[in-house]
Amino acid sequence: MISKKLTFALVAVAGIAASIVILTAAYRAPKVENIDFDKVVRATAPAYDATLPEVSDADIKSFRIPIKNATIEIAKGVKYDGWTFGGTVPGPVIHVRVGDKVRVNVVNESPMPHSIDFHAARIPANVAYRAINPGDSVAFEFEARDAGAYMVHCGTPPVTMHLMQGMYLPIIVDPKNGWGTKADKEFVIVQSDRVRFYVINAGPSFNSDFHIVGAVFDRVYPDGNPDHALSDVQTYMVPAGGGAVFETVFDKNASGEGLYPFVTHSFADAEKGAVGIIQVGTPKKFTTMNH
């Protein structure tokens, strides 16, 4: 006969085995998404492609970011030699979600030292943002903890020169459960769709008072908490090195089809070129605008 002690021991072992099976079944290897900025260079002609790429469901998002000199065409026949992340100005958009692990590998393929600074990362500067000499690289990772629109830029002195030469890009961090509203389009504008703009002010020195002529922002997210959203805003300041998220609707019975300049309402800067045009639908007439 099997003793009671042996029976209890067998039951205990069976219980442990069952627990191991349950834990093994519950474990899921994290999904990894690898993105090489050398392979996702965005179109810049006739205009920079401002469409926000969709965020994937990968738990770990890994980015290879080459630093390279590139000839950028800023208008038809007008070119300049820029310093870039990934070959375009601004560099490709990084889109992640709160809770994601973000892995970064920056490779300096240029002839001078550079660096990178993620405003969205909580990480020691000496670990991640040190100078990267030509031919060298730096790798680090962080958890995306704070939702919002953030700037990424080169932090090598003189920082103003590196920014003016084109070394900046946006990182968009979505809240874990979304923004609280559904945007029909993000950056791609279609008549009557709710449109969401992620605005990052690369500066390097002045604030941007973001305003769309002929529209009002239904919601402005000053930070990554949807509960802090402001409503019915005409103009909102984005500080140098900061970011904010804006929503509006080009309603058929209100704003509707047409052309809408977006500007910084600090017009001294707007008159220097800080202005663009949003086209909604296919307007029949292009009128002259003074903005």
C-alpha atoms as a PDB file:
ATOM      1  CA  MET A   1       0.000   0.000   0.000  1.00  0.00           C
ATOM      2  CA  ILE A   2       1.075   3.542  -0.672  1.00  0.00           C
ATOM      3  CA  SER A   3       1.539   5.528   2.498  1.00  0.00           C
ATOM      4  CA  LYS A   4      -0.395   8.737   3.125  1.00  0.00           C
ATOM      5  CA  LYS A   5       2.868  10.695   3.093  1.00  0.00           C
ATOM      6  CA  LEU A   6       3.752   9.319  -0.340  1.00  0.00           C
ATOM      7  CA  THR A   7       0.219  10.082  -1.584  1.00  0.00           C
ATOM      8  CA  PHE A   8       0.512  13.693  -0.387  1.00  0.00           C
ATOM      9  CA  ALA A   9       3.926  13.950  -2.029  1.00  0.00           C
ATOM     10  CA  LEU A  10       2.541  12.684  -5.349  1.00  0.00           C
ATOM     11  CA  VAL A  11      -0.352  15.158  -5.142  1.00  0.00           C
ATOM     12  CA  ALA A  12       2.073  18.004  -4.423  1.00  0.00           C
ATOM     13  CA  VAL A  13       4.272  17.041  -7.379  1.00  0.00           C
ATOM     14  CA  ALA A  14       1.211  16.843  -9.622  1.00  0.00           C
ATOM     15  CA  GLY A  15       0.127  20.276  -8.417  1.00  0.00           C
ATOM     16  CA  ILE A  16       3.560  21.762  -9.167  1.00  0.00           C
ATOM     17  CA  ALA A  17       3.555  20.137 -12.603  1.00  0.00           C
ATOM     18  CA  ALA A  18       0.101  21.579 -13.343  1.00  0.00           C
ATOM     19  CA  SER A  19       1.288  25.032 -12.275  1.00  0.00           C
ATOM     20  CA  ILE A  20       4.287  24.781 -14.581  1.00  0.00           C
ATOM     21  CA  VAL A  21       2.035  23.790 -17.491  1.00  0.00           C
ATOM     22  CA  ILE A  22      -0.299  26.726 -16.789  1.00  0.00           C
ATOM     23  CA  LEU A  23       2.588  29.198 -16.525  1.00  0.00           C
ATOM     24  CA  THR A  24       4.154  27.834 -19.714  1.00  0.00           C
ATOM     25  CA  ALA A  25       0.870  28.149 -21.564  1.00  0.00           C
ATOM     26  CA  ALA A  26       0.408  31.720 -20.293  1.00  0.00           C
ATOM     27  CA  TYR A  27       3.891  32.843 -21.373  1.00  0.00           C
ATOM     28  CA  ARG A  28       4.068  34.599 -24.720  1.00  0.00           C
ATOM     29  CA  ALA A  29       7.328  35.609 -26.300  1.00  0.00           C
ATOM     30  CA  PRO A  30       7.348  39.381 -26.875  1.00  0.00           C
ATOM     31  CA  LYS A  31       6.771  40.511 -30.458  1.00  0.00           C
ATOM     32  CA  VAL A  32       9.626  42.561 -31.911  1.00  0.00           C
ATOM     33  CA  GLU A  33       9.337  45.056 -34.761  1.00  0.00           C
ATOM     34  CA  ASN A  34      12.591  46.086 -36.458  1.00  0.00           C
ATOM     35  CA  ILE A  35      12.666  49.358 -38.403  1.00  0.00           C
ATOM     36  CA  ASP A  36      15.744  50.566 -40.296  1.00  0.00           C
ATOM     37  CA  PHE A  37      15.620  54.270 -41.145  1.00  0.00           C
ATOM     38  CA  ASP A  38      17.830  53.504 -44.152  1.00  0.00           C
ATOM     39  CA  LYS A  39      14.820  51.660 -45.606  1.00  0.00           C
ATOM     40  CA  VAL A  40      11.967  53.966 -44.610  1.00  0.00           C
ATOM     41  CA  VAL A  41      13.182  57.253 -46.085  1.00  0.00           C
ATOM     42  CA  ARG A  42      10.049  59.317 -46.632  1.00  0.00           C
ATOM     43  CA  ALA A  43       9.162  61.150 -49.824  1.00  0.00           C
ATOM     44  CA  THR A  44      10.016  64.855 -49.773  1.00  0.00           C
ATOM     45  CA  ALA A  45       8.837  65.812 -53.260  1.00  0.00           C
ATOM     46  CA  PRO A  46       6.520  67.464 -54.066  1.00  0.00           C
ATOM     47  CA  ALA A  47       6.094  67.730 -50.292  1.00  0.00           C
ATOM     48  CA  TYR A  48       7.179  65.876 -47.177  1.00  0.00           C
ATOM     49  CA  ASP A  49       4.852  62.947 -46.529  1.00  0.00           C
ATOM     50  CA  ALA A  50       3.217  63.933 -43.247  1.00  0.00           C
ATOM     51  CA  THR A  51       1.103  60.796 -42.855  1.00  0.00           C
ATOM     52  CA  LEU A  52       1.487  59.271 -39.406  1.00  0.00           C
ATOM     53  CA  PRO A  53       2.458  55.602 -39.770  1.00  0.00           C
ATOM     54  CA  GLU A  54       0.196  53.233 -37.861  1.00  0.00           C
ATOM     55  CA  VAL A  55       1.452  51.951 -34.541  1.00  0.00           C
ATOM     56  CA  SER A  56       2.002  48.188 -34.527  1.00  0.00           C
ATOM     57  CA  ASP A  57       1.077  45.776 -31.746  1.00  0.00           C
ATOM     58  CA  ALA A  58       4.707  44.731 -31.238  1.00  0.00           C
ATOM     59  CA  ASP A  59       5.836  44.817 -27.603  1.00  0.00           C
ATOM     60  CA  ILE A  60       9.383  45.825 -28.567  1.00  0.00           C
ATOM     61  CA  LYS A  61      10.022  48.384 -31.277  1.00  0.00           C
ATOM     62  CA  SER A  62      13.620  48.473 -32.462  1.00  0.00           C
ATOM     63  CA  PHE A  63      14.982  51.338 -34.569  1.00  0.00           C
ATOM     64  CA  ARG A  64      18.252  51.592 -36.461  1.00  0.00           C
ATOM     65  CA  ILE A  65      18.931  55.292 -37.053  1.00  0.00           C
ATOM     66  CA  PRO A  66      21.828  56.204 -39.351  1.00  0.00           C
ATOM     67  CA  ILE A  67      23.251  59.723 -39.112  1.00  0.00           C
ATOM     68  CA  LYS A  68      24.250  60.839 -42.582  1.00  0.00           C
ATOM     69  CA  ASN A  69      24.841  63.905 -44.702  1.00  0.00           C
ATOM     70  CA  ALA A  70      22.288  64.273 -47.482  1.00  0.00           C
ATOM     71  CA  THR A  71      21.330  66.754 -50.170  1.00  0.00           C
ATOM     72  CA  ILE A  72      17.794  67.942 -49.429  1.00  0.00           C
ATOM     73  CA  GLU A  73      15.517  69.652 -51.954  1.00  0.00           C
ATOM     74  CA  ILE A  74      13.485  72.249 -50.071  1.00  0.00           C
ATOM     75  CA  ALA A  75      11.787  73.688 -53.185  1.00  0.00           C
ATOM     76  CA  LYS A  76      11.906  72.923 -56.878  1.00  0.00           C
ATOM     77  CA  GLY A  77      15.534  73.319 -57.885  1.00  0.00           C
ATOM     78  CA  VAL A  78      16.523  74.605 -54.423  1.00  0.00           C
ATOM     79  CA  LYS A  79      18.807  72.244 -52.539  1.00  0.00           C
ATOM     80  CA  TYR A  80      21.051  72.322 -49.498  1.00  0.00           C
ATOM     81  CA  ASP A  81      23.475  69.931 -47.881  1.00  0.00           C
ATOM     82  CA  GLY A  82      21.886  68.832 -44.617  1.00  0.00           C
ATOM     83  CA  TRP A  83      22.835  66.697 -41.634  1.00  0.00           C
ATOM     84  CA  THR A  84      20.114  64.121 -41.120  1.00  0.00           C
ATOM     85  CA  PHE A  85      18.678  61.213 -39.180  1.00  0.00           C
ATOM     86  CA  GLY A  86      17.889  58.721 -41.928  1.00  0.00           C
ATOM     87  CA  GLY A  87      18.375  60.969 -44.964  1.00  0.00           C
ATOM     88  CA  THR A  88      15.394  63.349 -44.714  1.00  0.00           C
ATOM     89  CA  VAL A  89      14.479  66.533 -42.828  1.00  0.00           C
ATOM     90  CA  PRO A  90      12.742  65.974 -40.527  1.00  0.00           C
ATOM     91  CA  GLY A  91      13.715  62.351 -40.035  1.00  0.00           C
ATOM     92  CA  PRO A  92      11.156  59.516 -40.200  1.00  0.00           C
ATOM     93  CA  VAL A  93       8.404  59.479 -37.578  1.00  0.00           C
ATOM     94  CA  ILE A  94       8.684  57.099 -34.635  1.00  0.00           C
ATOM     95  CA  HIS A  95       5.247  55.912 -33.477  1.00  0.00           C
ATOM     96  CA  VAL A  96       4.901  53.840 -30.314  1.00  0.00           C
ATOM     97  CA  ARG A  97       2.462  53.229 -27.498  1.00  0.00           C
ATOM     98  CA  VAL A  98       2.730  53.633 -23.714  1.00  0.00           C
ATOM     99  CA  GLY A  99       4.189  50.422 -22.321  1.00  0.00           C
ATOM    100  CA  ASP A 100       6.264  49.602 -25.396  1.00  0.00           C
ATOM    101  CA  LYS A 101       9.965  48.927 -25.026  1.00  0.00           C
ATOM    102  CA  VAL A 102      11.868  51.128 -27.468  1.00  0.00           C
ATOM    103  CA  ARG A 103      15.292  49.970 -28.633  1.00  0.00           C
ATOM    104  CA  VAL A 104      17.518  52.466 -30.412  1.00  0.00           C
ATOM    105  CA  ASN A 105      20.741  51.914 -32.338  1.00  0.00           C
ATOM    106  CA  VAL A 106      22.246  55.127 -33.710  1.00  0.00           C
ATOM    107  CA  VAL A 107      25.060  54.739 -36.240  1.00  0.00           C
ATOM    108  CA  ASN A 108      27.147  57.746 -37.195  1.00  0.00           C
ATOM    109  CA  GLU A 109      27.877  57.498 -40.920  1.00  0.00           C
ATOM    110  CA  SER A 110      28.868  61.159 -41.190  1.00  0.00           C
ATOM    111  CA  PRO A 111      32.364  62.703 -41.003  1.00  0.00           C
ATOM    112  CA  MET A 112      31.818  64.558 -37.694  1.00  0.00           C
ATOM    113  CA  PRO A 113      30.598  63.791 -34.150  1.00  0.00           C
ATOM    114  CA  HIS A 114      26.855  63.842 -33.464  1.00  0.00           C
ATOM    115  CA  SER A 115      24.447  62.578 -30.794  1.00  0.00           C
ATOM    116  CA  ILE A 116      20.742  61.979 -30.201  1.00  0.00           C
ATOM    117  CA  ASP A 117      18.339  63.214 -27.510  1.00  0.00           C
ATOM    118  CA  PHE A 118      14.892  61.637 -27.005  1.00  0.00           C
ATOM    119  CA  HIS A 119      12.549  63.978 -25.127  1.00  0.00           C
ATOM    120  CA  ALA A 120      10.186  61.013 -24.627  1.00  0.00           C
ATOM    121  CA  ALA A 121      12.752  58.866 -22.787  1.00  0.00           C
ATOM    122  CA  ARG A 122      13.465  58.680 -19.063  1.00  0.00           C
ATOM    123  CA  ILE A 123      17.106  57.627 -19.265  1.00  0.00           C
ATOM    124  CA  PRO A 124      20.439  59.016 -18.023  1.00  0.00           C
ATOM    125  CA  ALA A 125      21.992  61.340 -20.585  1.00  0.00           C
ATOM    126  CA  ASN A 126      25.448  59.840 -20.087  1.00  0.00           C
ATOM    127  CA  VAL A 127      24.045  56.416 -21.004  1.00  0.00           C
ATOM    128  CA  ALA A 128      22.185  57.356 -24.175  1.00  0.00           C
ATOM    129  CA  TYR A 129      23.072  60.842 -25.352  1.00  0.00           C
ATOM    130  CA  ARG A 130      26.860  60.814 -25.446  1.00  0.00           C
ATOM    131  CA  ALA A 131      28.836  62.010 -28.461  1.00  0.00           C
ATOM    132  CA  ILE A 132      29.011  59.484 -31.297  1.00  0.00           C
ATOM    133  CA  ASN A 133      32.214  59.756 -33.306  1.00  0.00           C
ATOM    134  CA  PRO A 134      32.337  59.035 -37.054  1.00  0.00           C
ATOM    135  CA  GLY A 135      32.030  55.290 -37.626  1.00  0.00           C
ATOM    136  CA  ASP A 136      30.884  54.718 -34.042  1.00  0.00           C
ATOM    137  CA  SER A 137      27.414  53.860 -32.699  1.00  0.00           C
ATOM    138  CA  VAL A 138      25.405  53.970 -29.495  1.00  0.00           C
ATOM    139  CA  ALA A 139      22.628  51.596 -28.434  1.00  0.00           C
ATOM    140  CA  PHE A 140      20.123  51.950 -25.598  1.00  0.00           C
ATOM    141  CA  GLU A 141      16.538  51.117 -24.718  1.00  0.00           C
ATOM    142  CA  PHE A 142      13.755  52.653 -22.657  1.00  0.00           C
ATOM    143  CA  GLU A 143      10.114  52.065 -21.827  1.00  0.00           C
ATOM    144  CA  ALA A 144       7.677  54.536 -23.351  1.00  0.00           C
ATOM    145  CA  ARG A 145       5.933  55.796 -20.211  1.00  0.00           C
ATOM    146  CA  ASP A 146       4.546  59.211 -21.173  1.00  0.00           C
ATOM    147  CA  ALA A 147       2.024  59.799 -23.961  1.00  0.00           C
ATOM    148  CA  GLY A 148       2.340  62.836 -26.212  1.00  0.00           C
ATOM    149  CA  ALA A 149       4.168  64.364 -29.152  1.00  0.00           C
ATOM    150  CA  TYR A 150       7.892  64.659 -28.502  1.00  0.00           C
ATOM    151  CA  MET A 151      10.997  65.953 -30.187  1.00  0.00           C
ATOM    152  CA  VAL A 152      14.137  63.965 -30.952  1.00  0.00           C
ATOM    153  CA  HIS A 153      17.242  65.930 -31.921  1.00  0.00           C
ATOM    154  CA  CYS A 154      21.009  66.040 -32.020  1.00  0.00           C
ATOM    155  CA  GLY A 155      22.384  67.500 -28.802  1.00  0.00           C
ATOM    156  CA  THR A 156      25.986  68.068 -29.900  1.00  0.00           C
ATOM    157  CA  PRO A 157      27.227  71.667 -29.447  1.00  0.00           C
ATOM    158  CA  PRO A 158      26.510  74.013 -31.027  1.00  0.00           C
ATOM    159  CA  VAL A 159      23.009  72.545 -30.841  1.00  0.00           C
ATOM    160  CA  THR A 160      21.478  75.387 -32.858  1.00  0.00           C
ATOM    161  CA  MET A 161      23.694  74.565 -35.832  1.00  0.00           C
ATOM    162  CA  HIS A 162      22.852  70.854 -35.734  1.00  0.00           C
ATOM    163  CA  LEU A 163      19.135  71.658 -35.548  1.00  0.00           C
ATOM    164  CA  MET A 164      19.293  74.197 -38.361  1.00  0.00           C
ATOM    165  CA  GLN A 165      21.073  71.629 -40.529  1.00  0.00           C
ATOM    166  CA  GLY A 166      18.134  69.255 -40.111  1.00  0.00           C
ATOM    167  CA  MET A 167      18.878  66.921 -37.197  1.00  0.00           C
ATOM    168  CA  TYR A 168      15.454  66.421 -35.650  1.00  0.00           C
ATOM    169  CA  LEU A 169      12.464  64.092 -35.915  1.00  0.00           C
ATOM    170  CA  PRO A 170       9.202  63.413 -34.038  1.00  0.00           C
ATOM    171  CA  ILE A 171       8.305  60.539 -31.752  1.00  0.00           C
ATOM    172  CA  ILE A 172       4.596  60.067 -31.101  1.00  0.00           C
ATOM    173  CA  VAL A 173       3.617  58.099 -27.993  1.00  0.00           C
ATOM    174  CA  ASP A 174      -0.040  57.060 -27.924  1.00  0.00           C
ATOM    175  CA  PRO A 175      -1.809  56.525 -24.585  1.00  0.00           C
ATOM    176  CA  LYS A 176      -2.179  52.829 -23.824  1.00  0.00           C
ATOM    177  CA  ASN A 177      -5.929  52.991 -24.435  1.00  0.00           C
ATOM    178  CA  GLY A 178      -5.927  55.643 -27.161  1.00  0.00           C
ATOM    179  CA  TRP A 179      -6.657  59.360 -27.148  1.00  0.00           C
ATOM    180  CA  GLY A 180     -10.309  59.083 -26.156  1.00  0.00           C
ATOM    181  CA  THR A 181     -11.564  60.031 -29.614  1.00  0.00           C
ATOM    182  CA  LYS A 182     -11.235  58.293 -32.963  1.00  0.00           C
ATOM    183  CA  ALA A 183      -9.453  60.267 -35.667  1.00  0.00           C
ATOM    184  CA  ASP A 184     -10.529  59.394 -39.190  1.00  0.00           C
ATOM    185  CA  LYS A 185      -7.182  60.550 -40.482  1.00  0.00           C
ATOM    186  CA  GLU A 186      -3.908  61.495 -38.872  1.00  0.00           C
ATOM    187  CA  PHE A 187      -2.031  64.031 -41.032  1.00  0.00           C
ATOM    188  CA  VAL A 188      -3.873  63.010 -44.207  1.00  0.00           C
ATOM    189  CA  ILE A 189      -6.699  65.498 -44.572  1.00  0.00           C
ATOM    190  CA  VAL A 190      -9.995  64.438 -46.156  1.00  0.00           C
ATOM    191  CA  GLN A 191     -13.105  66.601 -46.253  1.00  0.00           C
ATOM    192  CA  SER A 192     -15.339  66.231 -43.153  1.00  0.00           C
ATOM    193  CA  ASP A 193     -12.912  63.832 -41.448  1.00  0.00           C
ATOM    194  CA  ARG A 194     -11.654  64.461 -37.901  1.00  0.00           C
ATOM    195  CA  VAL A 195      -7.985  65.270 -38.322  1.00  0.00           C
ATOM    196  CA  ARG A 196      -5.268  64.936 -35.708  1.00  0.00           C
ATOM    197  CA  PHE A 197      -2.040  66.944 -35.914  1.00  0.00           C
ATOM    198  CA  TYR A 198       1.057  66.087 -33.894  1.00  0.00           C
ATOM    199  CA  VAL A 199       3.029  69.331 -33.755  1.00  0.00           C
ATOM    200  CA  ILE A 200       6.639  69.368 -32.594  1.00  0.00           C
ATOM    201  CA  ASN A 201       8.490  72.678 -32.404  1.00  0.00           C
ATOM    202  CA  ALA A 202      12.123  72.048 -33.331  1.00  0.00           C
ATOM    203  CA  GLY A 203      12.967  75.628 -32.406  1.00  0.00           C
ATOM    204  CA  PRO A 204      15.803  75.964 -31.712  1.00  0.00           C
ATOM    205  CA  SER A 205      15.014  79.151 -29.795  1.00  0.00           C
ATOM    206  CA  PHE A 206      11.450  80.424 -30.242  1.00  0.00           C
ATOM    207  CA  ASN A 207       7.934  79.311 -29.328  1.00  0.00           C
ATOM    208  CA  SER A 208       5.384  78.433 -32.009  1.00  0.00           C
ATOM    209  CA  ASP A 209       1.833  79.737 -31.625  1.00  0.00           C
ATOM    210  CA  PHE A 210       0.064  77.117 -33.734  1.00  0.00           C
ATOM    211  CA  HIS A 211      -3.039  78.341 -35.552  1.00  0.00           C
ATOM    212  CA  ILE A 212      -5.063  77.236 -38.578  1.00  0.00           C
ATOM    213  CA  VAL A 213      -6.634  80.123 -40.476  1.00  0.00           C
ATOM    214  CA  GLY A 214     -10.350  79.390 -40.927  1.00  0.00           C
ATOM    215  CA  ALA A 215     -10.615  76.586 -38.371  1.00  0.00           C
ATOM    216  CA  VAL A 216     -10.913  76.097 -34.611  1.00  0.00           C
ATOM    217  CA  PHE A 217      -9.360  73.204 -32.685  1.00  0.00           C
ATOM    218  CA  ASP A 218     -12.036  71.009 -31.120  1.00  0.00           C
ATOM    219  CA  ARG A 219      -9.444  69.557 -28.784  1.00  0.00           C
ATOM    220  CA  VAL A 220      -5.854  70.348 -27.845  1.00  0.00           C
ATOM    221  CA  TYR A 221      -3.825  67.882 -25.790  1.00  0.00           C
ATOM    222  CA  PRO A 222      -1.092  69.853 -23.963  1.00  0.00           C
ATOM    223  CA  ASP A 223       0.358  66.562 -22.668  1.00  0.00           C
ATOM    224  CA  GLY A 224      -0.239  62.850 -22.939  1.00  0.00           C
ATOM    225  CA  ASN A 225      -3.250  62.668 -20.609  1.00  0.00           C
ATOM    226  CA  PRO A 226      -6.540  62.805 -22.589  1.00  0.00           C
ATOM    227  CA  ASP A 227      -8.259  64.056 -19.429  1.00  0.00           C
ATOM    228  CA  HIS A 228      -6.273  67.296 -19.765  1.00  0.00           C
ATOM    229  CA  ALA A 229      -7.630  68.075 -23.246  1.00  0.00           C
ATOM    230  CA  LEU A 230      -8.701  71.662 -23.904  1.00  0.00           C
ATOM    231  CA  SER A 231     -11.721  72.390 -26.089  1.00  0.00           C
ATOM    232  CA  ASP A 232     -12.565  75.117 -28.626  1.00  0.00           C
ATOM    233  CA  VAL A 233      -9.065  76.560 -28.913  1.00  0.00           C
ATOM    234  CA  GLN A 234      -8.067  79.052 -31.617  1.00  0.00           C
ATOM    235  CA  THR A 235      -4.297  79.215 -31.007  1.00  0.00           C
ATOM    236  CA  TYR A 236      -2.017  77.237 -28.724  1.00  0.00           C
ATOM    237  CA  MET A 237       1.634  77.772 -27.904  1.00  0.00           C
ATOM    238  CA  VAL A 238       4.131  74.957 -28.456  1.00  0.00           C
ATOM    239  CA  PRO A 239       7.451  75.797 -26.775  1.00  0.00           C
ATOM    240  CA  ALA A 240      10.800  75.264 -28.451  1.00  0.00           C
ATOM    241  CA  GLY A 241      11.659  71.613 -28.003  1.00  0.00           C
ATOM    242  CA  GLY A 242       8.064  70.791 -27.023  1.00  0.00           C
ATOM    243  CA  GLY A 243       5.053  69.180 -28.656  1.00  0.00           C
ATOM    244  CA  ALA A 244       1.266  69.117 -28.503  1.00  0.00           C
ATOM    245  CA  VAL A 245      -1.580  67.286 -30.233  1.00  0.00           C
ATOM    246  CA  PHE A 246      -4.373  69.136 -32.058  1.00  0.00           C
ATOM    247  CA  GLU A 247      -7.735  67.961 -33.431  1.00  0.00           C
ATOM    248  CA  THR A 248     -10.193  69.700 -35.723  1.00  0.00           C
ATOM    249  CA  VAL A 249     -12.990  68.831 -38.140  1.00  0.00           C
ATOM    250  CA  PHE A 250     -13.276  70.266 -41.634  1.00  0.00           C
ATOM    251  CA  ASP A 251     -17.049  70.024 -41.608  1.00  0.00           C
ATOM    252  CA  LYS A 252     -18.947  70.260 -44.906  1.00  0.00           C
ATOM    253  CA  ASN A 253     -21.381  72.760 -43.394  1.00  0.00           C
ATOM    254  CA  ALA A 254     -18.665  74.866 -41.740  1.00  0.00           C
ATOM    255  CA  SER A 255     -15.010  74.928 -42.751  1.00  0.00           C
ATOM    256  CA  GLY A 256     -15.532  72.513 -45.639  1.00  0.00           C
ATOM    257  CA  GLU A 257     -13.607  72.252 -48.877  1.00  0.00           C
ATOM    258  CA  GLY A 258     -10.889  74.825 -49.412  1.00  0.00           C
ATOM    259  CA  LEU A 259      -7.422  75.993 -48.459  1.00  0.00           C
ATOM    260  CA  TYR A 260      -6.386  76.588 -44.856  1.00  0.00           C
ATOM    261  CA  PRO A 261      -3.018  78.146 -44.009  1.00  0.00           C
ATOM    262  CA  PHE A 262      -1.412  76.922 -40.803  1.00  0.00           C
ATOM    263  CA  VAL A 263       0.959  79.372 -39.184  1.00  0.00           C
ATOM    264  CA  THR A 264       2.706  80.390 -36.055  1.00  0.00           C
ATOM    265  CA  HIS A 265       0.740  83.429 -34.948  1.00  0.00           C
ATOM    266  CA  SER A 266       4.021  84.999 -33.950  1.00  0.00           C
ATOM    267  CA  PHE A 267       3.926  86.582 -37.375  1.00  0.00           C
ATOM    268  CA  ALA A 268       7.525  87.716 -37.374  1.00  0.00           C
ATOM    269  CA  ASP A 269       8.363  84.019 -37.799  1.00  0.00           C
ATOM    270  CA  ALA A 270       5.457  83.350 -40.155  1.00  0.00           C
ATOM    271  CA  GLU A 271       6.759  86.075 -42.451  1.00  0.00           C
ATOM    272  CA  LYS A 272      10.098  84.276 -42.500  1.00  0.00           C
ATOM    273  CA  GLY A 273       8.479  81.082 -43.769  1.00  0.00           C
ATOM    274  CA  ALA A 274       6.832  79.326 -40.797  1.00  0.00           C
ATOM    275  CA  VAL A 275       3.612  78.736 -42.719  1.00  0.00           C
ATOM    276  CA  GLY A 276       2.004  75.973 -44.750  1.00  0.00           C
ATOM    277  CA  ILE A 277      -1.243  75.135 -46.544  1.00  0.00           C
ATOM    278  CA  ILE A 278      -3.809  72.456 -45.735  1.00  0.00           C
ATOM    279  CA  GLN A 279      -5.868  71.476 -48.761  1.00  0.00           C
ATOM    280  CA  VAL A 280      -9.269  69.981 -48.005  1.00  0.00           C
ATOM    281  CA  GLY A 281     -10.898  68.324 -50.983  1.00  0.00           C
ATOM    282  CA  THR A 282     -10.319  69.842 -54.441  1.00  0.00           C
ATOM    283  CA  PRO A 283     -11.152  73.547 -54.305  1.00  0.00           C
ATOM    284  CA  LYS A 284     -12.406  74.903 -57.628  1.00  0.00           C
ATOM    285  CA  LYS A 285     -10.684  78.241 -57.161  1.00  0.00           C
ATOM    286  CA  PHE A 286      -7.351  79.036 -55.602  1.00  0.00           C
ATOM    287  CA  THR A 287      -7.659  82.553 -54.291  1.00  0.00           C
ATOM    288  CA  THR A 288      -4.779  84.761 -53.247  1.00  0.00           C
ATOM    289  CA  MET A 289      -4.177  84.745 -49.510  1.00  0.00           C
ATOM    290  CA  ASN A 290      -2.108  87.162 -47.484  1.00  0.00           C
ATOM    291  CA  HIS A 291      -1.053  84.643 -44.816  1.00  0.00           C
END
